[in-house]
Amino acid sequence: DLSAIVANLEALTTIVDNNDGTFTYTDEDGVTTTLDVANLETLTTIALNPDNTNIDYTDEDGVVTQLDLSAIVANL
């Protein structure tokens, strides 16, 4: 009967999605750690400006850089 040996070596851990950008990890000793993954995501956007000429690039800090592609288009 090896059940006592297996039980001694078995590690039971869990990870639960909290549906709010965090996960709760419970280790084999029952100690919980909350992992916040919300700030690991980098959000950037690129969109045509309402002037229909420029492209607006918004970086992860919310800073907008306007890209004027008219010189490139004129060259092509």
C-alpha atoms as a PDB file:
ATOM      1  CA  ASP A   1       0.000   0.000   0.000  1.00  0.00           C
ATOM      2  CA  LEU A   2       1.790   3.107  -1.268  1.00  0.00           C
ATOM      3  CA  SER A   3      -1.002   5.563  -0.438  1.00  0.00           C
ATOM      4  CA  ALA A   4       0.823   6.971   2.618  1.00  0.00           C
ATOM      5  CA  ILE A   5       3.960   7.628   0.557  1.00  0.00           C
ATOM      6  CA  VAL A   6       1.977   9.239  -2.262  1.00  0.00           C
ATOM      7  CA  ALA A   7      -0.014  11.372   0.200  1.00  0.00           C
ATOM      8  CA  ASN A   8       3.243  12.539   1.774  1.00  0.00           C
ATOM      9  CA  LEU A   9       4.657  13.609  -1.610  1.00  0.00           C
ATOM     10  CA  GLU A  10       1.468  15.083  -3.070  1.00  0.00           C
ATOM     11  CA  ALA A  11       1.245  18.862  -3.375  1.00  0.00           C
ATOM     12  CA  LEU A  12      -2.208  20.350  -3.831  1.00  0.00           C
ATOM     13  CA  THR A  13      -2.330  23.889  -5.175  1.00  0.00           C
ATOM     14  CA  THR A  14      -5.111  25.883  -6.794  1.00  0.00           C
ATOM     15  CA  ILE A  15      -5.438  28.999  -8.881  1.00  0.00           C
ATOM     16  CA  VAL A  16      -8.801  30.751  -9.174  1.00  0.00           C
ATOM     17  CA  ASP A  17      -9.825  33.503 -11.589  1.00  0.00           C
ATOM     18  CA  ASN A  18     -11.475  36.280  -9.551  1.00  0.00           C
ATOM     19  CA  ASN A  19     -13.000  37.809 -12.724  1.00  0.00           C
ATOM     20  CA  ASP A  20     -11.547  41.225 -11.893  1.00  0.00           C
ATOM     21  CA  GLY A  21      -8.049  40.997 -13.386  1.00  0.00           C
ATOM     22  CA  THR A  22      -6.700  39.066 -10.413  1.00  0.00           C
ATOM     23  CA  PHE A  23      -6.098  35.411  -9.624  1.00  0.00           C
ATOM     24  CA  THR A  24      -5.879  33.808  -6.204  1.00  0.00           C
ATOM     25  CA  TYR A  25      -3.147  31.186  -5.882  1.00  0.00           C
ATOM     26  CA  THR A  26      -3.298  28.824  -2.898  1.00  0.00           C
ATOM     27  CA  ASP A  27      -0.144  26.840  -2.223  1.00  0.00           C
ATOM     28  CA  GLU A  28       0.161  23.395  -0.655  1.00  0.00           C
ATOM     29  CA  ASP A  29       0.319  24.923   2.841  1.00  0.00           C
ATOM     30  CA  GLY A  30      -2.950  26.828   2.329  1.00  0.00           C
ATOM     31  CA  VAL A  31      -1.231  30.201   1.972  1.00  0.00           C
ATOM     32  CA  THR A  32      -3.021  32.431  -0.540  1.00  0.00           C
ATOM     33  CA  THR A  33      -1.410  34.952  -2.853  1.00  0.00           C
ATOM     34  CA  THR A  34      -3.375  37.345  -5.049  1.00  0.00           C
ATOM     35  CA  LEU A  35      -1.828  37.918  -8.453  1.00  0.00           C
ATOM     36  CA  ASP A  36      -2.843  41.135 -10.205  1.00  0.00           C
ATOM     37  CA  VAL A  37      -2.423  40.699 -13.948  1.00  0.00           C
ATOM     38  CA  ALA A  38      -4.412  43.788 -14.916  1.00  0.00           C
ATOM     39  CA  ASN A  39      -1.297  45.974 -15.070  1.00  0.00           C
ATOM     40  CA  LEU A  40       0.597  43.494 -17.228  1.00  0.00           C
ATOM     41  CA  GLU A  41      -1.425  44.383 -20.289  1.00  0.00           C
ATOM     42  CA  THR A  42      -0.186  47.140 -22.584  1.00  0.00           C
ATOM     43  CA  LEU A  43      -3.021  48.923 -24.339  1.00  0.00           C
ATOM     44  CA  THR A  44      -2.259  50.913 -27.451  1.00  0.00           C
ATOM     45  CA  THR A  45      -4.501  52.054 -30.284  1.00  0.00           C
ATOM     46  CA  ILE A  46      -4.099  53.345 -33.786  1.00  0.00           C
ATOM     47  CA  ALA A  47      -6.993  55.100 -35.508  1.00  0.00           C
ATOM     48  CA  LEU A  48      -7.747  57.419 -38.370  1.00  0.00           C
ATOM     49  CA  ASN A  49      -8.021  60.978 -37.100  1.00  0.00           C
ATOM     50  CA  PRO A  50     -11.393  62.711 -37.714  1.00  0.00           C
ATOM     51  CA  ASP A  51      -9.597  64.928 -40.273  1.00  0.00           C
ATOM     52  CA  ASN A  52      -9.305  61.801 -42.504  1.00  0.00           C
ATOM     53  CA  THR A  53      -5.665  62.678 -43.156  1.00  0.00           C
ATOM     54  CA  ASN A  54      -3.659  61.778 -40.071  1.00  0.00           C
ATOM     55  CA  ILE A  55      -3.387  58.625 -38.009  1.00  0.00           C
ATOM     56  CA  ASP A  56      -3.436  58.917 -34.210  1.00  0.00           C
ATOM     57  CA  TYR A  57      -1.299  56.481 -32.240  1.00  0.00           C
ATOM     58  CA  THR A  58      -2.170  56.323 -28.526  1.00  0.00           C
ATOM     59  CA  ASP A  59       0.460  54.632 -26.356  1.00  0.00           C
ATOM     60  CA  GLU A  60      -0.038  52.723 -23.095  1.00  0.00           C
ATOM     61  CA  ASP A  61       0.262  55.968 -21.093  1.00  0.00           C
ATOM     62  CA  GLY A  62      -2.507  57.648 -23.105  1.00  0.00           C
ATOM     63  CA  VAL A  63      -0.107  59.911 -25.010  1.00  0.00           C
ATOM     64  CA  VAL A  64      -1.352  60.577 -28.551  1.00  0.00           C
ATOM     65  CA  THR A  65       1.154  60.912 -31.382  1.00  0.00           C
ATOM     66  CA  GLN A  66      -0.256  62.148 -34.657  1.00  0.00           C
ATOM     67  CA  LEU A  67       1.238  60.502 -37.737  1.00  0.00           C
ATOM     68  CA  ASP A  68       0.982  62.565 -40.908  1.00  0.00           C
ATOM     69  CA  LEU A  69       1.311  60.148 -43.817  1.00  0.00           C
ATOM     70  CA  SER A  70       0.565  62.665 -46.567  1.00  0.00           C
ATOM     71  CA  ALA A  71       4.234  62.942 -47.633  1.00  0.00           C
ATOM     72  CA  ILE A  72       4.478  59.161 -47.976  1.00  0.00           C
ATOM     73  CA  VAL A  73       1.238  58.967 -49.932  1.00  0.00           C
ATOM     74  CA  ALA A  74       2.305  61.840 -52.185  1.00  0.00           C
ATOM     75  CA  ASN A  75       5.607  60.070 -52.855  1.00  0.00           C
ATOM     76  CA  LEU A  76       3.812  56.881 -53.918  1.00  0.00           C
END
